[in-house]
Amino acid sequence: LKTTPPPPSRGKFVITTRSQSLQQHNMRSLTHCRNALPKLRGVSPAAAVAASRVQQRAFAAEKAPATINGKVSQVIGAVVDVQFESALPPILNALEVQGFEHRLVLEVAQHLGENMVRTIAMDGTDGLTRGQKVEDTGAPIKVPVGEETLGRIINIIGEPIDELGPIE
């Protein structure tokens, strides 16, 4: 419950329920949408709010992801902790270990705090040592799909392992 100052004709306080507060918030959002986007004046309130959200997402998607580098801090089987000096990569992002004997992809599973993330290795970690460099790919693990992949054998990180060449 939220208390607000009363209108002049009532008592000292007015108690507002959560649903009333959400309705007031939605009305403010709708007013903002209609003022900010004059071309939507004849559109229903739900469509106006949806259109403003779509515009925000499109704007955010245009930003180029900055490369984030880190170092392996701890290895416990398939669980690898990676420490970063700056911002942490989002959960589910793919990280690649640099200078390893084969391509090792890690998926961010948890933010631990103190610029540290916990990841799950998508291949064996034998030979992985503390201090090895790790690079954020800026995206989740991607696996090809479509008619080109029918009848092919693909591993968990999207690489063909059937010795029939690359997937086009």
N, C-alpha and C. Protein backbone atom coordinates (compact mmCIF):
# COMPACT_ATOMS: atom_id res chain seq x y z
N LEU A 1 0.83 -1.18 0.00
CA LEU A 1 0.00 0.00 0.00
C LEU A 1 0.87 1.24 0.00
N LYS A 2 0.35 2.28 -0.58
CA LYS A 2 1.11 3.51 -0.72
C LYS A 2 0.26 4.66 -0.21
N THR A 3 0.82 5.51 0.62
CA THR A 3 0.06 6.65 1.12
C THR A 3 0.41 7.87 0.31
N THR A 4 -0.61 8.67 0.01
CA THR A 4 -0.40 9.90 -0.75
C THR A 4 -1.11 11.04 -0.05
N PRO A 5 -0.68 12.28 -0.25
CA PRO A 5 -1.39 13.40 0.36
C PRO A 5 -2.83 13.45 -0.16
N PRO A 6 -3.78 13.80 0.71
CA PRO A 6 -5.19 13.74 0.33
C PRO A 6 -5.61 14.92 -0.54
N PRO A 7 -6.71 14.75 -1.26
CA PRO A 7 -7.30 15.90 -1.91
C PRO A 7 -7.83 16.85 -0.82
N PRO A 8 -8.04 18.11 -1.10
CA PRO A 8 -8.41 19.08 -0.07
C PRO A 8 -9.70 18.74 0.67
N SER A 9 -10.64 18.01 0.07
CA SER A 9 -11.93 17.79 0.71
C SER A 9 -11.95 16.55 1.61
N ARG A 10 -10.90 15.77 1.66
CA ARG A 10 -10.91 14.53 2.44
C ARG A 10 -10.10 14.69 3.71
N GLY A 11 -9.86 13.53 4.38
CA GLY A 11 -9.10 13.51 5.62
C GLY A 11 -7.62 13.71 5.38
N LYS A 12 -6.79 13.18 6.30
CA LYS A 12 -5.36 13.42 6.23
C LYS A 12 -4.66 12.63 5.13
N PHE A 13 -4.97 11.34 4.95
CA PHE A 13 -4.27 10.51 3.98
C PHE A 13 -5.25 9.67 3.17
N VAL A 14 -4.81 9.33 1.94
CA VAL A 14 -5.58 8.44 1.07
C VAL A 14 -4.72 7.20 0.85
N ILE A 15 -5.30 6.03 1.06
CA ILE A 15 -4.56 4.79 0.87
C ILE A 15 -4.84 4.29 -0.54
N THR A 16 -3.77 4.07 -1.31
CA THR A 16 -3.88 3.63 -2.69
C THR A 16 -3.45 2.17 -2.78
N THR A 17 -4.26 1.34 -3.41
CA THR A 17 -3.88 -0.06 -3.58
C THR A 17 -2.88 -0.19 -4.72
N ARG A 18 -2.26 -1.33 -4.82
CA ARG A 18 -1.28 -1.57 -5.87
C ARG A 18 -1.91 -1.46 -7.26
N SER A 19 -3.13 -1.99 -7.43
CA SER A 19 -3.76 -1.93 -8.74
C SER A 19 -4.11 -0.50 -9.13
N GLN A 20 -4.53 0.33 -8.15
CA GLN A 20 -4.81 1.73 -8.46
C GLN A 20 -3.52 2.45 -8.85
N SER A 21 -2.44 2.12 -8.15
CA SER A 21 -1.14 2.73 -8.46
C SER A 21 -0.69 2.36 -9.87
N LEU A 22 -0.88 1.08 -10.26
CA LEU A 22 -0.52 0.64 -11.60
C LEU A 22 -1.38 1.32 -12.66
N GLN A 23 -2.67 1.51 -12.36
CA GLN A 23 -3.53 2.20 -13.31
C GLN A 23 -3.05 3.63 -13.52
N GLN A 24 -2.67 4.31 -12.42
CA GLN A 24 -2.17 5.68 -12.53
C GLN A 24 -0.88 5.70 -13.35
N HIS A 25 0.00 4.72 -13.11
CA HIS A 25 1.26 4.64 -13.87
C HIS A 25 0.99 4.42 -15.36
N ASN A 26 0.05 3.52 -15.67
CA ASN A 26 -0.28 3.25 -17.06
C ASN A 26 -0.85 4.49 -17.74
N MET A 27 -1.67 5.25 -17.04
CA MET A 27 -2.23 6.47 -17.62
C MET A 27 -1.13 7.49 -17.88
N ARG A 28 -0.16 7.61 -16.96
CA ARG A 28 0.97 8.53 -17.18
C ARG A 28 1.79 8.07 -18.37
N SER A 29 2.02 6.75 -18.51
CA SER A 29 2.76 6.22 -19.65
C SER A 29 2.03 6.51 -20.95
N LEU A 30 0.72 6.31 -20.94
CA LEU A 30 -0.06 6.57 -22.13
C LEU A 30 -0.01 8.04 -22.52
N THR A 31 -0.13 8.92 -21.52
CA THR A 31 -0.06 10.36 -21.78
C THR A 31 1.30 10.71 -22.37
N HIS A 32 2.36 10.13 -21.81
CA HIS A 32 3.71 10.37 -22.31
C HIS A 32 3.83 9.90 -23.76
N CYS A 33 3.28 8.71 -24.05
CA CYS A 33 3.36 8.17 -25.42
C CYS A 33 2.63 9.08 -26.39
N ARG A 34 1.46 9.52 -26.01
CA ARG A 34 0.69 10.37 -26.92
C ARG A 34 1.35 11.73 -27.12
N ASN A 35 2.02 12.25 -26.08
CA ASN A 35 2.69 13.54 -26.23
C ASN A 35 3.98 13.39 -27.02
N ALA A 36 4.71 12.30 -26.80
CA ALA A 36 6.00 12.12 -27.45
C ALA A 36 5.86 11.65 -28.89
N LEU A 37 4.78 10.97 -29.20
CA LEU A 37 4.58 10.42 -30.54
C LEU A 37 3.28 10.95 -31.13
N PRO A 38 3.28 12.18 -31.65
CA PRO A 38 2.04 12.77 -32.13
C PRO A 38 1.37 11.97 -33.24
N LYS A 39 2.11 11.20 -34.01
CA LYS A 39 1.51 10.45 -35.10
C LYS A 39 0.61 9.32 -34.60
N LEU A 40 0.65 9.01 -33.30
CA LEU A 40 -0.15 7.92 -32.76
C LEU A 40 -1.45 8.41 -32.11
N ARG A 41 -1.86 9.64 -32.33
CA ARG A 41 -3.02 10.19 -31.64
C ARG A 41 -4.31 9.41 -31.92
N GLY A 42 -4.48 8.85 -33.09
CA GLY A 42 -5.71 8.12 -33.40
C GLY A 42 -5.62 6.64 -33.08
N VAL A 43 -4.56 6.20 -32.40
CA VAL A 43 -4.32 4.78 -32.15
C VAL A 43 -4.81 4.42 -30.75
N SER A 44 -5.20 3.17 -30.55
CA SER A 44 -5.66 2.72 -29.24
C SER A 44 -4.54 2.83 -28.21
N PRO A 45 -4.87 2.96 -26.93
CA PRO A 45 -3.83 3.10 -25.89
C PRO A 45 -2.85 1.94 -25.88
N ALA A 46 -3.35 0.71 -26.02
CA ALA A 46 -2.45 -0.46 -26.00
C ALA A 46 -1.46 -0.40 -27.15
N ALA A 47 -1.93 0.00 -28.33
CA ALA A 47 -1.05 0.09 -29.50
C ALA A 47 -0.01 1.20 -29.32
N ALA A 48 -0.41 2.31 -28.68
CA ALA A 48 0.54 3.41 -28.45
C ALA A 48 1.66 2.99 -27.52
N VAL A 49 1.31 2.28 -26.43
CA VAL A 49 2.33 1.82 -25.49
C VAL A 49 3.23 0.79 -26.17
N ALA A 50 2.65 -0.14 -26.92
CA ALA A 50 3.44 -1.16 -27.62
C ALA A 50 4.38 -0.51 -28.63
N ALA A 51 3.91 0.50 -29.35
CA ALA A 51 4.76 1.17 -30.34
C ALA A 51 5.93 1.87 -29.68
N SER A 52 5.70 2.46 -28.51
CA SER A 52 6.82 3.14 -27.83
C SER A 52 7.85 2.14 -27.37
N ARG A 53 7.41 0.95 -26.94
CA ARG A 53 8.36 -0.08 -26.50
C ARG A 53 9.17 -0.60 -27.68
N VAL A 54 8.52 -0.79 -28.83
CA VAL A 54 9.22 -1.27 -30.02
C VAL A 54 10.29 -0.26 -30.42
N GLN A 55 9.97 1.03 -30.37
CA GLN A 55 10.95 2.05 -30.73
C GLN A 55 12.14 2.01 -29.78
N GLN A 56 11.91 1.81 -28.49
CA GLN A 56 13.01 1.76 -27.54
C GLN A 56 13.90 0.56 -27.82
N ARG A 57 13.31 -0.59 -28.11
CA ARG A 57 14.10 -1.78 -28.39
C ARG A 57 14.94 -1.61 -29.64
N ALA A 58 14.36 -1.03 -30.68
CA ALA A 58 15.09 -0.83 -31.92
C ALA A 58 16.27 0.10 -31.70
N PHE A 59 16.09 1.13 -30.88
CA PHE A 59 17.16 2.07 -30.60
C PHE A 59 18.29 1.38 -29.85
N ALA A 60 17.94 0.55 -28.86
CA ALA A 60 18.96 -0.13 -28.07
C ALA A 60 19.70 -1.17 -28.91
N ALA A 61 19.03 -1.79 -29.87
CA ALA A 61 19.65 -2.83 -30.68
C ALA A 61 20.69 -2.26 -31.65
N GLU A 62 20.64 -0.95 -31.94
CA GLU A 62 21.57 -0.37 -32.89
C GLU A 62 22.96 -0.17 -32.31
N LYS A 63 23.09 -0.20 -30.99
CA LYS A 63 24.39 -0.01 -30.38
C LYS A 63 25.30 -1.20 -30.68
N ALA A 64 26.53 -0.92 -31.04
CA ALA A 64 27.49 -2.00 -31.30
C ALA A 64 28.04 -2.48 -29.96
N PRO A 65 28.05 -3.80 -29.72
CA PRO A 65 28.55 -4.30 -28.45
C PRO A 65 30.06 -4.11 -28.35
N ALA A 66 30.50 -3.63 -27.22
CA ALA A 66 31.93 -3.45 -26.98
C ALA A 66 32.51 -4.79 -26.54
N THR A 67 33.72 -5.08 -26.96
CA THR A 67 34.37 -6.32 -26.56
C THR A 67 34.81 -6.23 -25.11
N ILE A 68 34.44 -7.23 -24.34
CA ILE A 68 34.79 -7.27 -22.92
C ILE A 68 35.78 -8.42 -22.75
N ASN A 69 36.92 -8.14 -22.15
CA ASN A 69 37.93 -9.17 -21.93
C ASN A 69 38.06 -9.48 -20.44
N GLY A 70 38.36 -10.74 -20.15
CA GLY A 70 38.54 -11.17 -18.77
C GLY A 70 39.60 -12.23 -18.69
N LYS A 71 39.77 -12.78 -17.48
CA LYS A 71 40.76 -13.84 -17.24
C LYS A 71 40.12 -14.96 -16.43
N VAL A 72 40.54 -16.18 -16.71
CA VAL A 72 40.06 -17.34 -15.94
C VAL A 72 40.57 -17.20 -14.51
N SER A 73 39.64 -17.32 -13.57
CA SER A 73 39.99 -17.18 -12.16
C SER A 73 40.03 -18.53 -11.45
N GLN A 74 39.11 -19.42 -11.81
CA GLN A 74 39.01 -20.70 -11.12
C GLN A 74 38.37 -21.72 -12.04
N VAL A 75 38.86 -22.96 -12.00
CA VAL A 75 38.30 -24.05 -12.82
C VAL A 75 37.96 -25.20 -11.90
N ILE A 76 36.66 -25.59 -11.92
CA ILE A 76 36.21 -26.74 -11.14
C ILE A 76 35.40 -27.62 -12.08
N GLY A 77 36.05 -28.54 -12.77
CA GLY A 77 35.36 -29.38 -13.74
C GLY A 77 34.85 -28.55 -14.90
N ALA A 78 33.54 -28.62 -15.16
CA ALA A 78 32.95 -27.86 -16.26
C ALA A 78 32.58 -26.44 -15.84
N VAL A 79 32.74 -26.11 -14.57
CA VAL A 79 32.42 -24.77 -14.06
C VAL A 79 33.68 -23.93 -14.06
N VAL A 80 33.61 -22.77 -14.73
CA VAL A 80 34.78 -21.89 -14.83
C VAL A 80 34.36 -20.49 -14.37
N ASP A 81 35.10 -19.95 -13.40
CA ASP A 81 34.86 -18.57 -12.96
C ASP A 81 35.79 -17.66 -13.73
N VAL A 82 35.23 -16.55 -14.24
CA VAL A 82 35.99 -15.60 -15.05
C VAL A 82 35.87 -14.22 -14.41
N GLN A 83 37.00 -13.54 -14.26
CA GLN A 83 37.02 -12.20 -13.67
C GLN A 83 37.24 -11.17 -14.76
N PHE A 84 36.46 -10.08 -14.70
CA PHE A 84 36.55 -8.99 -15.66
C PHE A 84 37.00 -7.73 -14.95
N GLU A 85 37.68 -6.86 -15.69
CA GLU A 85 38.13 -5.60 -15.10
C GLU A 85 37.06 -4.52 -15.17
N SER A 86 36.16 -4.62 -16.16
CA SER A 86 35.12 -3.60 -16.31
C SER A 86 33.75 -4.24 -16.18
N ALA A 87 32.86 -3.92 -17.09
CA ALA A 87 31.48 -4.42 -17.04
C ALA A 87 31.42 -5.93 -17.23
N LEU A 88 30.39 -6.52 -16.63
CA LEU A 88 30.18 -7.97 -16.77
C LEU A 88 29.32 -8.26 -17.99
N PRO A 89 29.59 -9.36 -18.68
CA PRO A 89 28.72 -9.74 -19.81
C PRO A 89 27.38 -10.23 -19.27
N PRO A 90 26.31 -10.05 -20.05
CA PRO A 90 24.99 -10.52 -19.59
C PRO A 90 24.95 -12.04 -19.45
N ILE A 91 24.02 -12.50 -18.62
CA ILE A 91 23.82 -13.94 -18.44
C ILE A 91 23.38 -14.54 -19.78
N LEU A 92 23.85 -15.73 -20.09
CA LEU A 92 23.63 -16.50 -21.31
C LEU A 92 24.53 -16.07 -22.47
N ASN A 93 25.39 -15.06 -22.28
CA ASN A 93 26.34 -14.70 -23.34
C ASN A 93 27.40 -15.77 -23.48
N ALA A 94 27.93 -15.91 -24.69
CA ALA A 94 29.01 -16.85 -24.96
C ALA A 94 30.35 -16.15 -24.79
N LEU A 95 31.27 -16.81 -24.13
CA LEU A 95 32.64 -16.32 -23.97
C LEU A 95 33.56 -17.32 -24.65
N GLU A 96 34.65 -16.84 -25.25
CA GLU A 96 35.62 -17.75 -25.87
C GLU A 96 36.96 -17.61 -25.17
N VAL A 97 37.55 -18.76 -24.82
CA VAL A 97 38.88 -18.76 -24.21
C VAL A 97 39.91 -18.60 -25.31
N GLN A 98 40.82 -17.64 -25.15
CA GLN A 98 41.86 -17.36 -26.14
C GLN A 98 43.11 -18.18 -25.82
N GLY A 99 43.80 -18.65 -26.84
CA GLY A 99 45.05 -19.37 -26.65
C GLY A 99 44.89 -20.76 -26.06
N PHE A 100 43.74 -21.40 -26.25
CA PHE A 100 43.53 -22.75 -25.77
C PHE A 100 43.77 -23.70 -26.92
N GLU A 101 44.05 -24.97 -26.64
CA GLU A 101 44.39 -25.93 -27.69
C GLU A 101 43.28 -26.16 -28.71
N HIS A 102 42.02 -25.97 -28.33
CA HIS A 102 40.90 -26.04 -29.26
C HIS A 102 39.90 -24.95 -28.86
N ARG A 103 38.87 -24.74 -29.69
CA ARG A 103 37.89 -23.68 -29.40
C ARG A 103 37.06 -24.08 -28.18
N LEU A 104 37.21 -23.30 -27.10
CA LEU A 104 36.45 -23.56 -25.88
C LEU A 104 35.49 -22.41 -25.65
N VAL A 105 34.20 -22.72 -25.65
CA VAL A 105 33.15 -21.72 -25.45
C VAL A 105 32.58 -21.91 -24.05
N LEU A 106 32.41 -20.79 -23.35
CA LEU A 106 31.82 -20.78 -22.01
C LEU A 106 30.51 -20.00 -22.08
N GLU A 107 29.49 -20.45 -21.35
CA GLU A 107 28.23 -19.72 -21.29
C GLU A 107 28.05 -19.14 -19.90
N VAL A 108 27.81 -17.83 -19.83
CA VAL A 108 27.65 -17.15 -18.53
C VAL A 108 26.37 -17.66 -17.88
N ALA A 109 26.51 -18.17 -16.65
CA ALA A 109 25.37 -18.71 -15.93
C ALA A 109 24.97 -17.86 -14.73
N GLN A 110 25.95 -17.12 -14.15
CA GLN A 110 25.66 -16.39 -12.92
C GLN A 110 26.63 -15.25 -12.73
N HIS A 111 26.15 -14.13 -12.20
CA HIS A 111 27.02 -13.04 -11.81
C HIS A 111 27.33 -13.23 -10.33
N LEU A 112 28.60 -13.33 -9.99
CA LEU A 112 28.99 -13.60 -8.61
C LEU A 112 29.29 -12.33 -7.82
N GLY A 113 29.44 -11.20 -8.49
CA GLY A 113 29.84 -9.98 -7.80
C GLY A 113 31.35 -9.84 -7.89
N GLU A 114 31.86 -8.69 -7.48
CA GLU A 114 33.30 -8.40 -7.55
C GLU A 114 33.85 -8.65 -8.95
N ASN A 115 33.09 -8.23 -9.98
CA ASN A 115 33.49 -8.38 -11.39
C ASN A 115 33.79 -9.82 -11.78
N MET A 116 33.04 -10.76 -11.22
CA MET A 116 33.26 -12.18 -11.49
C MET A 116 31.97 -12.82 -11.99
N VAL A 117 32.09 -13.70 -13.00
CA VAL A 117 30.95 -14.48 -13.48
C VAL A 117 31.27 -15.96 -13.38
N ARG A 118 30.24 -16.76 -13.21
CA ARG A 118 30.38 -18.22 -13.22
C ARG A 118 29.85 -18.70 -14.55
N THR A 119 30.63 -19.56 -15.22
CA THR A 119 30.26 -20.03 -16.54
C THR A 119 30.25 -21.55 -16.58
N ILE A 120 29.61 -22.08 -17.61
CA ILE A 120 29.59 -23.51 -17.88
C ILE A 120 30.36 -23.74 -19.18
N ALA A 121 31.34 -24.63 -19.15
CA ALA A 121 32.14 -24.93 -20.34
C ALA A 121 31.36 -25.87 -21.25
N MET A 122 31.42 -25.63 -22.55
CA MET A 122 30.72 -26.45 -23.53
C MET A 122 31.61 -27.56 -24.08
N ASP A 123 32.78 -27.74 -23.51
CA ASP A 123 33.71 -28.80 -23.91
C ASP A 123 34.60 -29.08 -22.70
N GLY A 124 35.51 -30.02 -22.84
CA GLY A 124 36.40 -30.36 -21.74
C GLY A 124 37.31 -29.21 -21.34
N THR A 125 37.61 -29.12 -20.06
CA THR A 125 38.47 -28.04 -19.55
C THR A 125 39.87 -28.54 -19.18
N ASP A 126 40.22 -29.75 -19.61
CA ASP A 126 41.56 -30.28 -19.30
C ASP A 126 42.61 -29.37 -19.93
N GLY A 127 43.54 -28.90 -19.14
CA GLY A 127 44.59 -28.02 -19.63
C GLY A 127 44.28 -26.54 -19.47
N LEU A 128 43.06 -26.20 -19.06
CA LEU A 128 42.70 -24.80 -18.84
C LEU A 128 43.32 -24.33 -17.53
N THR A 129 44.01 -23.20 -17.57
CA THR A 129 44.71 -22.72 -16.37
C THR A 129 44.23 -21.32 -15.99
N ARG A 130 44.50 -20.98 -14.74
CA ARG A 130 44.16 -19.64 -14.26
C ARG A 130 44.94 -18.60 -15.05
N GLY A 131 44.30 -17.46 -15.31
CA GLY A 131 44.98 -16.37 -15.98
C GLY A 131 44.82 -16.37 -17.49
N GLN A 132 44.27 -17.43 -18.08
CA GLN A 132 44.09 -17.44 -19.53
C GLN A 132 43.04 -16.39 -19.91
N LYS A 133 43.29 -15.74 -21.04
CA LYS A 133 42.40 -14.68 -21.48
C LYS A 133 41.09 -15.23 -22.03
N VAL A 134 40.01 -14.49 -21.75
CA VAL A 134 38.67 -14.84 -22.18
C VAL A 134 38.06 -13.61 -22.84
N GLU A 135 37.36 -13.81 -23.97
CA GLU A 135 36.74 -12.70 -24.68
C GLU A 135 35.24 -12.92 -24.79
N ASP A 136 34.46 -11.88 -24.51
CA ASP A 136 33.01 -11.93 -24.64
C ASP A 136 32.64 -11.79 -26.11
N THR A 137 31.79 -12.67 -26.62
CA THR A 137 31.37 -12.60 -28.02
C THR A 137 30.27 -11.56 -28.22
N GLY A 138 29.62 -11.13 -27.14
CA GLY A 138 28.56 -10.14 -27.25
C GLY A 138 27.22 -10.73 -27.62
N ALA A 139 27.10 -12.05 -27.67
CA ALA A 139 25.84 -12.70 -28.06
C ALA A 139 25.79 -14.09 -27.42
N PRO A 140 24.60 -14.67 -27.35
CA PRO A 140 24.50 -16.05 -26.86
C PRO A 140 25.07 -17.03 -27.88
N ILE A 141 25.18 -18.29 -27.49
CA ILE A 141 25.65 -19.33 -28.40
C ILE A 141 24.64 -19.44 -29.56
N LYS A 142 25.15 -19.48 -30.78
CA LYS A 142 24.28 -19.56 -31.95
C LYS A 142 24.54 -20.87 -32.69
N VAL A 143 23.45 -21.54 -33.05
CA VAL A 143 23.52 -22.81 -33.78
C VAL A 143 22.75 -22.64 -35.08
N PRO A 144 23.33 -23.03 -36.22
CA PRO A 144 22.62 -22.87 -37.49
C PRO A 144 21.39 -23.78 -37.56
N VAL A 145 20.37 -23.29 -38.27
CA VAL A 145 19.16 -24.07 -38.50
C VAL A 145 18.73 -23.91 -39.95
N GLY A 146 17.88 -24.79 -40.43
CA GLY A 146 17.38 -24.68 -41.80
C GLY A 146 17.66 -25.94 -42.59
N GLU A 147 17.36 -25.87 -43.88
CA GLU A 147 17.51 -27.04 -44.74
C GLU A 147 18.96 -27.48 -44.88
N GLU A 148 19.93 -26.55 -44.76
CA GLU A 148 21.35 -26.92 -44.86
C GLU A 148 21.78 -27.86 -43.74
N THR A 149 21.06 -27.83 -42.61
CA THR A 149 21.46 -28.64 -41.46
C THR A 149 20.78 -30.00 -41.41
N LEU A 150 19.81 -30.25 -42.31
CA LEU A 150 19.13 -31.54 -42.30
C LEU A 150 20.11 -32.67 -42.64
N GLY A 151 20.16 -33.68 -41.80
CA GLY A 151 21.05 -34.81 -42.01
C GLY A 151 22.47 -34.57 -41.53
N ARG A 152 22.76 -33.40 -41.00
CA ARG A 152 24.11 -33.08 -40.51
C ARG A 152 24.19 -33.34 -39.01
N ILE A 153 25.41 -33.55 -38.52
CA ILE A 153 25.65 -33.72 -37.09
C ILE A 153 26.37 -32.46 -36.61
N ILE A 154 25.75 -31.78 -35.65
CA ILE A 154 26.28 -30.50 -35.16
C ILE A 154 26.47 -30.60 -33.65
N ASN A 155 27.60 -30.07 -33.17
CA ASN A 155 27.82 -30.10 -31.72
C ASN A 155 27.05 -28.96 -31.03
N ILE A 156 27.24 -28.84 -29.73
CA ILE A 156 26.45 -27.91 -28.92
C ILE A 156 26.75 -26.44 -29.23
N ILE A 157 27.89 -26.14 -29.85
CA ILE A 157 28.21 -24.75 -30.17
C ILE A 157 28.03 -24.44 -31.65
N GLY A 158 27.36 -25.34 -32.37
CA GLY A 158 27.00 -25.06 -33.76
C GLY A 158 28.02 -25.45 -34.80
N GLU A 159 29.06 -26.19 -34.44
CA GLU A 159 30.09 -26.62 -35.40
C GLU A 159 29.72 -27.99 -35.96
N PRO A 160 29.84 -28.20 -37.26
CA PRO A 160 29.57 -29.53 -37.82
C PRO A 160 30.68 -30.49 -37.42
N ILE A 161 30.30 -31.69 -37.01
CA ILE A 161 31.29 -32.68 -36.58
C ILE A 161 31.18 -33.96 -37.40
N ASP A 162 30.49 -33.91 -38.56
CA ASP A 162 30.31 -35.09 -39.40
C ASP A 162 31.31 -35.17 -40.55
N GLU A 163 32.30 -34.30 -40.56
CA GLU A 163 33.37 -34.29 -41.56
C GLU A 163 32.85 -34.11 -42.99
N LEU A 164 31.74 -33.41 -43.15
CA LEU A 164 31.18 -33.12 -44.47
C LEU A 164 31.42 -31.66 -44.88
N GLY A 165 32.29 -30.99 -44.18
CA GLY A 165 32.61 -29.59 -44.49
C GLY A 165 31.72 -28.62 -43.71
N PRO A 166 31.97 -27.34 -43.94
CA PRO A 166 31.20 -26.31 -43.22
C PRO A 166 29.75 -26.24 -43.69
N ILE A 167 28.89 -25.73 -42.83
CA ILE A 167 27.48 -25.52 -43.18
C ILE A 167 27.37 -24.16 -43.82
N GLU A 168 26.75 -24.11 -45.00
CA GLU A 168 26.66 -22.84 -45.74
C GLU A 168 25.37 -22.12 -45.44
